[in-house]
Amino acid sequence: MPGVGPETARRAGKAILAAIERGLAVDEGDLPKTKRTPKPKPDPSFDQRLARLKAARNAVAVRLDLDPGVACPNGTLETIASKVPRTPEELVELPAVRRWQVREFGDDLLKAVKETGN
């Protein structure tokens, strides 16, 4: 069985096979259902803000000699793009944003959000 080494097979092989058999015997209707969250509708203005934020972050990363993900992870940029802060105070209120980021390049991020026309 791929992924099961000889030692594991020796120690737990029978129990693993029994668990597989039990799982295969469960009716399809009795299997747990995974709830999927619906995909959000495409939002071109969000995508544009995010692209501008990434460009601004990448320029800052070069200036500060940091990896872009260290300067500001994509998840943080997504938060900024969705919340559209207008001031440094609003930017620092976002939980994902760190004070040093606002201090070092908050103006760049705010400009990138504003330039999209939103």
PDB file of N, CA and C in Angstrom:
ATOM      1  N   MET A   1       0.853  -1.167   0.000  1.00  0.00           N
ATOM      2  CA  MET A   1       0.000   0.000   0.000  1.00  0.00           C
ATOM      3  C   MET A   1       0.903   1.235   0.000  1.00  0.00           C
ATOM      4  N   PRO A   2       0.741   2.136  -0.985  1.00  0.00           N
ATOM      5  CA  PRO A   2       1.591   3.327  -1.037  1.00  0.00           C
ATOM      6  C   PRO A   2       1.443   4.170   0.234  1.00  0.00           C
ATOM      7  N   GLY A   3       2.567   4.641   0.745  1.00  0.00           N
ATOM      8  CA  GLY A   3       2.561   5.494   1.918  1.00  0.00           C
ATOM      9  C   GLY A   3       2.631   4.751   3.237  1.00  0.00           C
ATOM     10  N   VAL A   4       2.527   3.437   3.204  1.00  0.00           N
ATOM     11  CA  VAL A   4       2.612   2.634   4.424  1.00  0.00           C
ATOM     12  C   VAL A   4       3.898   1.829   4.351  1.00  0.00           C
ATOM     13  N   GLY A   5       4.828   2.189   5.229  1.00  0.00           N
ATOM     14  CA  GLY A   5       6.106   1.497   5.241  1.00  0.00           C
ATOM     15  C   GLY A   5       5.995   0.108   5.862  1.00  0.00           C
ATOM     16  N   PRO A   6       7.032  -0.708   5.713  1.00  0.00           N
ATOM     17  CA  PRO A   6       7.006  -2.075   6.220  1.00  0.00           C
ATOM     18  C   PRO A   6       6.764  -2.157   7.733  1.00  0.00           C
ATOM     19  N   GLU A   7       7.354  -1.246   8.485  1.00  0.00           N
ATOM     20  CA  GLU A   7       7.183  -1.287   9.937  1.00  0.00           C
ATOM     21  C   GLU A   7       5.742  -0.968  10.326  1.00  0.00           C
ATOM     22  N   THR A   8       5.171   0.037   9.691  1.00  0.00           N
ATOM     23  CA  THR A   8       3.776   0.393   9.961  1.00  0.00           C
ATOM     24  C   THR A   8       2.856  -0.748   9.544  1.00  0.00           C
ATOM     25  N   ALA A   9       3.119  -1.345   8.410  1.00  0.00           N
ATOM     26  CA  ALA A   9       2.298  -2.466   7.936  1.00  0.00           C
ATOM     27  C   ALA A   9       2.366  -3.631   8.922  1.00  0.00           C
ATOM     28  N   ARG A  10       3.546  -3.884   9.457  1.00  0.00           N
ATOM     29  CA  ARG A  10       3.703  -4.986  10.409  1.00  0.00           C
ATOM     30  C   ARG A  10       2.936  -4.702  11.700  1.00  0.00           C
ATOM     31  N   ARG A  11       3.069  -3.460  12.211  1.00  0.00           N
ATOM     32  CA  ARG A  11       2.443  -3.116  13.484  1.00  0.00           C
ATOM     33  C   ARG A  11       0.935  -2.893  13.374  1.00  0.00           C
ATOM     34  N   ALA A  12       0.508  -2.194  12.309  1.00  0.00           N
ATOM     35  CA  ALA A  12      -0.883  -1.758  12.266  1.00  0.00           C
ATOM     36  C   ALA A  12      -1.609  -2.148  10.984  1.00  0.00           C
ATOM     37  N   GLY A  13      -1.000  -2.983  10.195  1.00  0.00           N
ATOM     38  CA  GLY A  13      -1.567  -3.344   8.898  1.00  0.00           C
ATOM     39  C   GLY A  13      -2.976  -3.889   8.983  1.00  0.00           C
ATOM     40  N   LYS A  14      -3.224  -4.825   9.896  1.00  0.00           N
ATOM     41  CA  LYS A  14      -4.558  -5.423  10.016  1.00  0.00           C
ATOM     42  C   LYS A  14      -5.586  -4.373  10.438  1.00  0.00           C
ATOM     43  N   ALA A  15      -5.230  -3.509  11.369  1.00  0.00           N
ATOM     44  CA  ALA A  15      -6.153  -2.471  11.821  1.00  0.00           C
ATOM     45  C   ALA A  15      -6.441  -1.469  10.700  1.00  0.00           C
ATOM     46  N   ILE A  16      -5.425  -1.135   9.912  1.00  0.00           N
ATOM     47  CA  ILE A  16      -5.618  -0.208   8.790  1.00  0.00           C
ATOM     48  C   ILE A  16      -6.568  -0.812   7.768  1.00  0.00           C
ATOM     49  N   LEU A  17      -6.329  -2.072   7.418  1.00  0.00           N
ATOM     50  CA  LEU A  17      -7.197  -2.737   6.441  1.00  0.00           C
ATOM     51  C   LEU A  17      -8.624  -2.874   6.966  1.00  0.00           C
ATOM     52  N   ALA A  18      -8.773  -3.147   8.252  1.00  0.00           N
ATOM     53  CA  ALA A  18     -10.115  -3.254   8.836  1.00  0.00           C
ATOM     54  C   ALA A  18     -10.828  -1.899   8.779  1.00  0.00           C
ATOM     55  N   ALA A  19     -10.103  -0.814   9.050  1.00  0.00           N
ATOM     56  CA  ALA A  19     -10.702   0.520   8.993  1.00  0.00           C
ATOM     57  C   ALA A  19     -11.127   0.854   7.566  1.00  0.00           C
ATOM     58  N   ILE A  20     -10.324   0.466   6.607  1.00  0.00           N
ATOM     59  CA  ILE A  20     -10.674   0.696   5.200  1.00  0.00           C
ATOM     60  C   ILE A  20     -11.939  -0.086   4.847  1.00  0.00           C
ATOM     61  N   GLU A  21     -11.996  -1.318   5.269  1.00  0.00           N
ATOM     62  CA  GLU A  21     -13.183  -2.142   5.004  1.00  0.00           C
ATOM     63  C   GLU A  21     -14.431  -1.518   5.619  1.00  0.00           C
ATOM     64  N   ARG A  22     -14.317  -1.024   6.857  1.00  0.00           N
ATOM     65  CA  ARG A  22     -15.461  -0.390   7.510  1.00  0.00           C
ATOM     66  C   ARG A  22     -15.893   0.862   6.736  1.00  0.00           C
ATOM     67  N   GLY A  23     -14.935   1.616   6.296  1.00  0.00           N
ATOM     68  CA  GLY A  23     -15.246   2.823   5.537  1.00  0.00           C
ATOM     69  C   GLY A  23     -15.913   2.506   4.214  1.00  0.00           C
ATOM     70  N   LEU A  24     -15.452   1.469   3.540  1.00  0.00           N
ATOM     71  CA  LEU A  24     -16.047   1.092   2.258  1.00  0.00           C
ATOM     72  C   LEU A  24     -17.466   0.557   2.424  1.00  0.00           C
ATOM     73  N   ALA A  25     -17.790   0.061   3.600  1.00  0.00           N
ATOM     74  CA  ALA A  25     -19.113  -0.508   3.844  1.00  0.00           C
ATOM     75  C   ALA A  25     -20.166   0.556   4.165  1.00  0.00           C
ATOM     76  N   VAL A  26     -19.768   1.791   4.414  1.00  0.00           N
ATOM     77  CA  VAL A  26     -20.714   2.859   4.746  1.00  0.00           C
ATOM     78  C   VAL A  26     -21.453   3.275   3.478  1.00  0.00           C
ATOM     79  N   ASP A  27     -22.783   3.377   3.588  1.00  0.00           N
ATOM     80  CA  ASP A  27     -23.594   3.830   2.455  1.00  0.00           C
ATOM     81  C   ASP A  27     -23.235   5.272   2.106  1.00  0.00           C
ATOM     82  N   GLU A  28     -23.318   5.593   0.836  1.00  0.00           N
ATOM     83  CA  GLU A  28     -22.986   6.932   0.353  1.00  0.00           C
ATOM     84  C   GLU A  28     -23.797   8.007   1.098  1.00  0.00           C
ATOM     85  N   GLY A  29     -25.066   7.743   1.353  1.00  0.00           N
ATOM     86  CA  GLY A  29     -25.922   8.710   2.032  1.00  0.00           C
ATOM     87  C   GLY A  29     -25.557   8.940   3.478  1.00  0.00           C
ATOM     88  N   ASP A  30     -24.823   8.008   4.079  1.00  0.00           N
ATOM     89  CA  ASP A  30     -24.421   8.147   5.479  1.00  0.00           C
ATOM     90  C   ASP A  30     -23.070   8.827   5.655  1.00  0.00           C
ATOM     91  N   LEU A  31     -22.395   9.109   4.563  1.00  0.00           N
ATOM     92  CA  LEU A  31     -21.090   9.764   4.658  1.00  0.00           C
ATOM     93  C   LEU A  31     -21.273  11.224   5.042  1.00  0.00           C
ATOM     94  N   PRO A  32     -20.343  11.774   5.790  1.00  0.00           N
ATOM     95  CA  PRO A  32     -20.462  13.196   6.168  1.00  0.00           C
ATOM     96  C   PRO A  32     -20.389  14.081   4.927  1.00  0.00           C
ATOM     97  N   LYS A  33     -21.125  15.151   4.956  1.00  0.00           N
ATOM     98  CA  LYS A  33     -21.143  16.111   3.847  1.00  0.00           C
ATOM     99  C   LYS A  33     -20.258  17.296   4.206  1.00  0.00           C
ATOM    100  N   THR A  34     -19.492  17.715   3.256  1.00  0.00           N
ATOM    101  CA  THR A  34     -18.649  18.890   3.434  1.00  0.00           C
ATOM    102  C   THR A  34     -19.398  20.092   2.913  1.00  0.00           C
ATOM    103  N   LYS A  35     -19.591  21.078   3.768  1.00  0.00           N
ATOM    104  CA  LYS A  35     -20.253  22.309   3.339  1.00  0.00           C
ATOM    105  C   LYS A  35     -19.225  23.175   2.635  1.00  0.00           C
ATOM    106  N   ARG A  36     -19.574  23.566   1.460  1.00  0.00           N
ATOM    107  CA  ARG A  36     -18.681  24.421   0.681  1.00  0.00           C
ATOM    108  C   ARG A  36     -19.217  25.840   0.699  1.00  0.00           C
ATOM    109  N   THR A  37     -18.316  26.762   0.946  1.00  0.00           N
ATOM    110  CA  THR A  37     -18.725  28.158   0.904  1.00  0.00           C
ATOM    111  C   THR A  37     -18.772  28.590  -0.558  1.00  0.00           C
ATOM    112  N   PRO A  38     -19.786  29.335  -0.921  1.00  0.00           N
ATOM    113  CA  PRO A  38     -19.880  29.763  -2.316  1.00  0.00           C
ATOM    114  C   PRO A  38     -18.729  30.703  -2.663  1.00  0.00           C
ATOM    115  N   LYS A  39     -18.277  30.582  -3.902  1.00  0.00           N
ATOM    116  CA  LYS A  39     -17.222  31.483  -4.360  1.00  0.00           C
ATOM    117  C   LYS A  39     -17.793  32.886  -4.491  1.00  0.00           C
ATOM    118  N   PRO A  40     -17.022  33.854  -4.062  1.00  0.00           N
ATOM    119  CA  PRO A  40     -17.516  35.224  -4.228  1.00  0.00           C
ATOM    120  C   PRO A  40     -17.578  35.584  -5.716  1.00  0.00           C
ATOM    121  N   LYS A  41     -18.493  36.492  -6.034  1.00  0.00           N
ATOM    122  CA  LYS A  41     -18.596  36.955  -7.413  1.00  0.00           C
ATOM    123  C   LYS A  41     -17.319  37.695  -7.771  1.00  0.00           C
ATOM    124  N   PRO A  42     -16.899  37.590  -9.020  1.00  0.00           N
ATOM    125  CA  PRO A  42     -15.716  38.350  -9.435  1.00  0.00           C
ATOM    126  C   PRO A  42     -15.949  39.845  -9.211  1.00  0.00           C
ATOM    127  N   ASP A  43     -14.935  40.513  -8.730  1.00  0.00           N
ATOM    128  CA  ASP A  43     -15.018  41.949  -8.475  1.00  0.00           C
ATOM    129  C   ASP A  43     -13.815  42.618  -9.141  1.00  0.00           C
ATOM    130  N   PRO A  44     -14.001  43.126 -10.339  1.00  0.00           N
ATOM    131  CA  PRO A  44     -12.876  43.737 -11.058  1.00  0.00           C
ATOM    132  C   PRO A  44     -12.205  44.872 -10.293  1.00  0.00           C
ATOM    133  N   SER A  45     -12.976  45.665  -9.546  1.00  0.00           N
ATOM    134  CA  SER A  45     -12.350  46.776  -8.815  1.00  0.00           C
ATOM    135  C   SER A  45     -11.459  46.245  -7.685  1.00  0.00           C
ATOM    136  N   PHE A  46     -11.895  45.152  -7.028  1.00  0.00           N
ATOM    137  CA  PHE A  46     -11.055  44.518  -6.006  1.00  0.00           C
ATOM    138  C   PHE A  46      -9.772  44.000  -6.654  1.00  0.00           C
ATOM    139  N   ASP A  47      -9.919  43.314  -7.780  1.00  0.00           N
ATOM    140  CA  ASP A  47      -8.745  42.755  -8.472  1.00  0.00           C
ATOM    141  C   ASP A  47      -7.768  43.849  -8.872  1.00  0.00           C
ATOM    142  N   GLN A  48      -8.303  44.976  -9.322  1.00  0.00           N
ATOM    143  CA  GLN A  48      -7.450  46.099  -9.712  1.00  0.00           C
ATOM    144  C   GLN A  48      -6.727  46.679  -8.494  1.00  0.00           C
ATOM    145  N   ARG A  49      -7.464  46.859  -7.400  1.00  0.00           N
ATOM    146  CA  ARG A  49      -6.819  47.361  -6.168  1.00  0.00           C
ATOM    147  C   ARG A  49      -5.722  46.407  -5.718  1.00  0.00           C
ATOM    148  N   LEU A  50      -6.027  45.110  -5.735  1.00  0.00           N
ATOM    149  CA  LEU A  50      -5.044  44.125  -5.290  1.00  0.00           C
ATOM    150  C   LEU A  50      -3.801  44.157  -6.170  1.00  0.00           C
ATOM    151  N   ALA A  51      -3.979  44.264  -7.468  1.00  0.00           N
ATOM    152  CA  ALA A  51      -2.822  44.323  -8.377  1.00  0.00           C
ATOM    153  C   ALA A  51      -1.967  45.555  -8.085  1.00  0.00           C
ATOM    154  N   ARG A  52      -2.613  46.701  -7.840  1.00  0.00           N
ATOM    155  CA  ARG A  52      -1.861  47.919  -7.521  1.00  0.00           C
ATOM    156  C   ARG A  52      -1.164  47.798  -6.170  1.00  0.00           C
ATOM    157  N   LEU A  53      -1.824  47.185  -5.217  1.00  0.00           N
ATOM    158  CA  LEU A  53      -1.205  46.973  -3.901  1.00  0.00           C
ATOM    159  C   LEU A  53       0.006  46.062  -4.004  1.00  0.00           C
ATOM    160  N   LYS A  54      -0.102  45.005  -4.793  1.00  0.00           N
ATOM    161  CA  LYS A  54       1.041  44.097  -4.975  1.00  0.00           C
ATOM    162  C   LYS A  54       2.206  44.821  -5.626  1.00  0.00           C
ATOM    163  N   ALA A  55       1.910  45.645  -6.627  1.00  0.00           N
ATOM    164  CA  ALA A  55       2.982  46.398  -7.284  1.00  0.00           C
ATOM    165  C   ALA A  55       3.653  47.351  -6.297  1.00  0.00           C
ATOM    166  N   ALA A  56       2.854  48.035  -5.490  1.00  0.00           N
ATOM    167  CA  ALA A  56       3.410  48.955  -4.495  1.00  0.00           C
ATOM    168  C   ALA A  56       4.237  48.191  -3.476  1.00  0.00           C
ATOM    169  N   ARG A  57       3.702  47.076  -2.987  1.00  0.00           N
ATOM    170  CA  ARG A  57       4.431  46.250  -2.015  1.00  0.00           C
ATOM    171  C   ARG A  57       5.743  45.734  -2.592  1.00  0.00           C
ATOM    172  N   ASN A  58       5.725  45.312  -3.855  1.00  0.00           N
ATOM    173  CA  ASN A  58       6.944  44.789  -4.477  1.00  0.00           C
ATOM    174  C   ASN A  58       8.013  45.873  -4.606  1.00  0.00           C
ATOM    175  N   ALA A  59       7.598  47.091  -4.944  1.00  0.00           N
ATOM    176  CA  ALA A  59       8.559  48.204  -5.030  1.00  0.00           C
ATOM    177  C   ALA A  59       9.143  48.509  -3.659  1.00  0.00           C
ATOM    178  N   VAL A  60       8.305  48.477  -2.638  1.00  0.00           N
ATOM    179  CA  VAL A  60       8.767  48.715  -1.271  1.00  0.00           C
ATOM    180  C   VAL A  60       9.727  47.610  -0.840  1.00  0.00           C
ATOM    181  N   ALA A  61       9.405  46.380  -1.190  1.00  0.00           N
ATOM    182  CA  ALA A  61      10.267  45.250  -0.814  1.00  0.00           C
ATOM    183  C   ALA A  61      11.657  45.414  -1.405  1.00  0.00           C
ATOM    184  N   VAL A  62      11.735  45.873  -2.642  1.00  0.00           N
ATOM    185  CA  VAL A  62      13.041  46.125  -3.264  1.00  0.00           C
ATOM    186  C   VAL A  62      13.761  47.234  -2.502  1.00  0.00           C
ATOM    187  N   ARG A  63      13.043  48.310  -2.219  1.00  0.00           N
ATOM    188  CA  ARG A  63      13.630  49.456  -1.506  1.00  0.00           C
ATOM    189  C   ARG A  63      14.155  49.056  -0.130  1.00  0.00           C
ATOM    190  N   LEU A  64      13.401  48.197   0.567  1.00  0.00           N
ATOM    191  CA  LEU A  64      13.790  47.788   1.925  1.00  0.00           C
ATOM    192  C   LEU A  64      14.644  46.517   1.945  1.00  0.00           C
ATOM    193  N   ASP A  65      14.906  45.961   0.761  1.00  0.00           N
ATOM    194  CA  ASP A  65      15.673  44.720   0.639  1.00  0.00           C
ATOM    195  C   ASP A  65      15.036  43.592   1.450  1.00  0.00           C
ATOM    196  N   LEU A  66      13.714  43.435   1.269  1.00  0.00           N
ATOM    197  CA  LEU A  66      12.955  42.380   1.933  1.00  0.00           C
ATOM    198  C   LEU A  66      12.259  41.519   0.886  1.00  0.00           C
ATOM    199  N   ASP A  67      12.003  40.291   1.245  1.00  0.00           N
ATOM    200  CA  ASP A  67      11.155  39.449   0.419  1.00  0.00           C
ATOM    201  C   ASP A  67       9.767  40.084   0.415  1.00  0.00           C
ATOM    202  N   PRO A  68       9.074  40.131  -0.730  1.00  0.00           N
ATOM    203  CA  PRO A  68       7.746  40.751  -0.762  1.00  0.00           C
ATOM    204  C   PRO A  68       6.778  40.172   0.273  1.00  0.00           C
ATOM    205  N   GLY A  69       6.822  38.870   0.495  1.00  0.00           N
ATOM    206  CA  GLY A  69       5.938  38.243   1.470  1.00  0.00           C
ATOM    207  C   GLY A  69       6.248  38.643   2.898  1.00  0.00           C
ATOM    208  N   VAL A  70       7.481  39.023   3.155  1.00  0.00           N
ATOM    209  CA  VAL A  70       7.858  39.503   4.483  1.00  0.00           C
ATOM    210  C   VAL A  70       7.413  40.951   4.642  1.00  0.00           C
ATOM    211  N   ALA A  71       7.587  41.732   3.594  1.00  0.00           N
ATOM    212  CA  ALA A  71       7.170  43.139   3.657  1.00  0.00           C
ATOM    213  C   ALA A  71       5.667  43.236   3.917  1.00  0.00           C
ATOM    214  N   CYS A  72       4.892  42.433   3.192  1.00  0.00           N
ATOM    215  CA  CYS A  72       3.439  42.460   3.375  1.00  0.00           C
ATOM    216  C   CYS A  72       2.849  41.241   2.658  1.00  0.00           C
ATOM    217  N   PRO A  73       2.398  40.253   3.399  1.00  0.00           N
ATOM    218  CA  PRO A  73       1.860  39.038   2.774  1.00  0.00           C
ATOM    219  C   PRO A  73       0.626  39.329   1.909  1.00  0.00           C
ATOM    220  N   ASN A  74       0.401  38.467   0.935  1.00  0.00           N
ATOM    221  CA  ASN A  74      -0.742  38.632   0.038  1.00  0.00           C
ATOM    222  C   ASN A  74      -2.069  38.691   0.793  1.00  0.00           C
ATOM    223  N   GLY A  75      -2.206  37.918   1.849  1.00  0.00           N
ATOM    224  CA  GLY A  75      -3.445  37.940   2.619  1.00  0.00           C
ATOM    225  C   GLY A  75      -3.718  39.312   3.217  1.00  0.00           C
ATOM    226  N   THR A  76      -2.667  39.982   3.651  1.00  0.00           N
ATOM    227  CA  THR A  76      -2.817  41.337   4.187  1.00  0.00           C
ATOM    228  C   THR A  76      -3.230  42.301   3.083  1.00  0.00           C
ATOM    229  N   LEU A  77      -2.619  42.138   1.914  1.00  0.00           N
ATOM    230  CA  LEU A  77      -2.997  42.988   0.780  1.00  0.00           C
ATOM    231  C   LEU A  77      -4.449  42.762   0.389  1.00  0.00           C
ATOM    232  N   GLU A  78      -4.906  41.519   0.460  1.00  0.00           N
ATOM    233  CA  GLU A  78      -6.305  41.214   0.147  1.00  0.00           C
ATOM    234  C   GLU A  78      -7.242  41.904   1.145  1.00  0.00           C
ATOM    235  N   THR A  79      -6.848  41.911   2.405  1.00  0.00           N
ATOM    236  CA  THR A  79      -7.650  42.609   3.419  1.00  0.00           C
ATOM    237  C   THR A  79      -7.720  44.095   3.112  1.00  0.00           C
ATOM    238  N   ILE A  80      -6.594  44.682   2.785  1.00  0.00           N
ATOM    239  CA  ILE A  80      -6.553  46.106   2.466  1.00  0.00           C
ATOM    240  C   ILE A  80      -7.419  46.389   1.235  1.00  0.00           C
ATOM    241  N   ALA A  81      -7.301  45.535   0.216  1.00  0.00           N
ATOM    242  CA  ALA A  81      -8.081  45.732  -1.013  1.00  0.00           C
ATOM    243  C   ALA A  81      -9.575  45.618  -0.758  1.00  0.00           C
ATOM    244  N   SER A  82      -9.962  44.788   0.194  1.00  0.00           N
ATOM    245  CA  SER A  82     -11.393  44.625   0.461  1.00  0.00           C
ATOM    246  C   SER A  82     -11.935  45.722   1.372  1.00  0.00           C
ATOM    247  N   LYS A  83     -11.128  46.214   2.291  1.00  0.00           N
ATOM    248  CA  LYS A  83     -11.601  47.228   3.251  1.00  0.00           C
ATOM    249  C   LYS A  83     -11.442  48.658   2.751  1.00  0.00           C
ATOM    250  N   VAL A  84     -10.537  48.884   1.810  1.00  0.00           N
ATOM    251  CA  VAL A  84     -10.289  50.187   1.189  1.00  0.00           C
ATOM    252  C   VAL A  84     -10.100  51.306   2.216  1.00  0.00           C
ATOM    253  N   PRO A  85      -9.071  51.212   3.041  1.00  0.00           N
ATOM    254  CA  PRO A  85      -8.807  52.290   4.000  1.00  0.00           C
ATOM    255  C   PRO A  85      -8.387  53.568   3.275  1.00  0.00           C
ATOM    256  N   ARG A  86      -8.712  54.696   3.874  1.00  0.00           N
ATOM    257  CA  ARG A  86      -8.402  55.999   3.264  1.00  0.00           C
ATOM    258  C   ARG A  86      -7.319  56.764   4.013  1.00  0.00           C
ATOM    259  N   THR A  87      -7.076  56.407   5.259  1.00  0.00           N
ATOM    260  CA  THR A  87      -6.115  57.149   6.077  1.00  0.00           C
ATOM    261  C   THR A  87      -5.167  56.159   6.761  1.00  0.00           C
ATOM    262  N   PRO A  88      -4.024  56.652   7.230  1.00  0.00           N
ATOM    263  CA  PRO A  88      -3.134  55.767   7.989  1.00  0.00           C
ATOM    264  C   PRO A  88      -3.821  55.193   9.228  1.00  0.00           C
ATOM    265  N   GLU A  89      -4.706  55.971   9.836  1.00  0.00           N
ATOM    266  CA  GLU A  89      -5.419  55.493  11.026  1.00  0.00           C
ATOM    267  C   GLU A  89      -6.339  54.313  10.679  1.00  0.00           C
ATOM    268  N   GLU A  90      -7.031  54.423   9.548  1.00  0.00           N
ATOM    269  CA  GLU A  90      -7.885  53.313   9.111  1.00  0.00           C
ATOM    270  C   GLU A  90      -7.043  52.099   8.731  1.00  0.00           C
ATOM    271  N   LEU A  91      -5.891  52.346   8.134  1.00  0.00           N
ATOM    272  CA  LEU A  91      -5.006  51.256   7.730  1.00  0.00           C
ATOM    273  C   LEU A  91      -4.493  50.493   8.949  1.00  0.00           C
ATOM    274  N   VAL A  92      -4.063  51.194   9.979  1.00  0.00           N
ATOM    275  CA  VAL A  92      -3.508  50.541  11.157  1.00  0.00           C
ATOM    276  C   VAL A  92      -4.587  49.816  11.968  1.00  0.00           C
ATOM    277  N   GLU A  93      -5.847  50.185  11.775  1.00  0.00           N
ATOM    278  CA  GLU A  93      -6.936  49.497  12.475  1.00  0.00           C
ATOM    279  C   GLU A  93      -7.200  48.099  11.925  1.00  0.00           C
ATOM    280  N   LEU A  94      -6.727  47.803  10.717  1.00  0.00           N
ATOM    281  CA  LEU A  94      -6.923  46.470  10.146  1.00  0.00           C
ATOM    282  C   LEU A  94      -6.029  45.483  10.893  1.00  0.00           C
ATOM    283  N   PRO A  95      -6.603  44.404  11.427  1.00  0.00           N
ATOM    284  CA  PRO A  95      -5.825  43.473  12.254  1.00  0.00           C
ATOM    285  C   PRO A  95      -4.589  42.885  11.568  1.00  0.00           C
ATOM    286  N   ALA A  96      -4.645  42.718  10.259  1.00  0.00           N
ATOM    287  CA  ALA A  96      -3.521  42.098   9.548  1.00  0.00           C
ATOM    288  C   ALA A  96      -2.358  43.062   9.324  1.00  0.00           C
ATOM    289  N   VAL A  97      -2.609  44.346   9.472  1.00  0.00           N
ATOM    290  CA  VAL A  97      -1.591  45.361   9.175  1.00  0.00           C
ATOM    291  C   VAL A  97      -0.808  45.693  10.438  1.00  0.00           C
ATOM    292  N   ARG A  98       0.502  45.724  10.303  1.00  0.00           N
ATOM    293  CA  ARG A  98       1.390  46.035  11.419  1.00  0.00           C
ATOM    294  C   ARG A  98       1.764  47.518  11.406  1.00  0.00           C
ATOM    295  N   ARG A  99       2.016  48.045  12.582  1.00  0.00           N
ATOM    296  CA  ARG A  99       2.368  49.473  12.687  1.00  0.00           C
ATOM    297  C   ARG A  99       3.625  49.809  11.884  1.00  0.00           C
ATOM    298  N   TRP A 100       4.617  48.920  11.876  1.00  0.00           N
ATOM    299  CA  TRP A 100       5.839  49.212  11.129  1.00  0.00           C
ATOM    300  C   TRP A 100       5.542  49.309   9.632  1.00  0.00           C
ATOM    301  N   GLN A 101       4.571  48.537   9.153  1.00  0.00           N
ATOM    302  CA  GLN A 101       4.211  48.612   7.738  1.00  0.00           C
ATOM    303  C   GLN A 101       3.584  49.972   7.429  1.00  0.00           C
ATOM    304  N   VAL A 102       2.714  50.430   8.310  1.00  0.00           N
ATOM    305  CA  VAL A 102       2.091  51.731   8.109  1.00  0.00           C
ATOM    306  C   VAL A 102       3.160  52.820   8.149  1.00  0.00           C
ATOM    307  N   ARG A 103       4.080  52.710   9.082  1.00  0.00           N
ATOM    308  CA  ARG A 103       5.145  53.701   9.220  1.00  0.00           C
ATOM    309  C   ARG A 103       6.062  53.709   7.994  1.00  0.00           C
ATOM    310  N   GLU A 104       6.465  52.526   7.546  1.00  0.00           N
ATOM    311  CA  GLU A 104       7.453  52.430   6.467  1.00  0.00           C
ATOM    312  C   GLU A 104       6.873  52.640   5.074  1.00  0.00           C
ATOM    313  N   PHE A 105       5.646  52.144   4.835  1.00  0.00           N
ATOM    314  CA  PHE A 105       5.113  52.272   3.475  1.00  0.00           C
ATOM    315  C   PHE A 105       3.583  52.355   3.419  1.00  0.00           C
ATOM    316  N   GLY A 106       2.996  52.805   4.505  1.00  0.00           N
ATOM    317  CA  GLY A 106       1.551  52.973   4.522  1.00  0.00           C
ATOM    318  C   GLY A 106       1.058  53.939   3.459  1.00  0.00           C
ATOM    319  N   ASP A 107       1.797  55.033   3.234  1.00  0.00           N
ATOM    320  CA  ASP A 107       1.387  55.998   2.217  1.00  0.00           C
ATOM    321  C   ASP A 107       1.370  55.360   0.834  1.00  0.00           C
ATOM    322  N   ASP A 108       2.322  54.467   0.567  1.00  0.00           N
ATOM    323  CA  ASP A 108       2.355  53.772  -0.724  1.00  0.00           C
ATOM    324  C   ASP A 108       1.121  52.887  -0.895  1.00  0.00           C
ATOM    325  N   LEU A 109       0.742  52.198   0.185  1.00  0.00           N
ATOM    326  CA  LEU A 109      -0.430  51.329   0.124  1.00  0.00           C
ATOM    327  C   LEU A 109      -1.710  52.141  -0.058  1.00  0.00           C
ATOM    328  N   LEU A 110      -1.818  53.250   0.677  1.00  0.00           N
ATOM    329  CA  LEU A 110      -3.007  54.088   0.555  1.00  0.00           C
ATOM    330  C   LEU A 110      -3.118  54.699  -0.836  1.00  0.00           C
ATOM    331  N   LYS A 111      -2.004  55.101  -1.386  1.00  0.00           N
ATOM    332  CA  LYS A 111      -1.998  55.653  -2.747  1.00  0.00           C
ATOM    333  C   LYS A 111      -2.444  54.589  -3.745  1.00  0.00           C
ATOM    334  N   ALA A 112      -1.971  53.356  -3.570  1.00  0.00           N
ATOM    335  CA  ALA A 112      -2.352  52.267  -4.483  1.00  0.00           C
ATOM    336  C   ALA A 112      -3.851  51.993  -4.402  1.00  0.00           C
ATOM    337  N   VAL A 113      -4.420  52.062  -3.205  1.00  0.00           N
ATOM    338  CA  VAL A 113      -5.871  51.858  -3.062  1.00  0.00           C
ATOM    339  C   VAL A 113      -6.622  52.997  -3.725  1.00  0.00           C
ATOM    340  N   LYS A 114      -6.153  54.218  -3.513  1.00  0.00           N
ATOM    341  CA  LYS A 114      -6.849  55.402  -4.037  1.00  0.00           C
ATOM    342  C   LYS A 114      -6.769  55.473  -5.553  1.00  0.00           C
ATOM    343  N   GLU A 115      -5.646  55.076  -6.136  1.00  0.00           N
ATOM    344  CA  GLU A 115      -5.429  55.183  -7.580  1.00  0.00           C
ATOM    345  C   GLU A 115      -6.400  54.342  -8.401  1.00  0.00           C
ATOM    346  N   THR A 116      -7.009  53.356  -7.789  1.00  0.00           N
ATOM    347  CA  THR A 116      -7.935  52.526  -8.547  1.00  0.00           C
ATOM    348  C   THR A 116      -9.255  53.234  -8.785  1.00  0.00           C
ATOM    349  N   GLY A 117      -9.424  54.387  -8.179  1.00  0.00           N
ATOM    350  CA  GLY A 117     -10.672  55.122  -8.352  1.00  0.00           C
ATOM    351  C   GLY A 117     -11.741  54.700  -7.369  1.00  0.00           C
ATOM    352  N   ASN A 118     -11.353  53.908  -6.343  1.00  0.00           N
ATOM    353  CA  ASN A 118     -12.315  53.447  -5.341  1.00  0.00           C
ATOM    354  C   ASN A 118     -12.041  54.054  -3.997  1.00  0.00           C
TER     355      ASN A 118
END
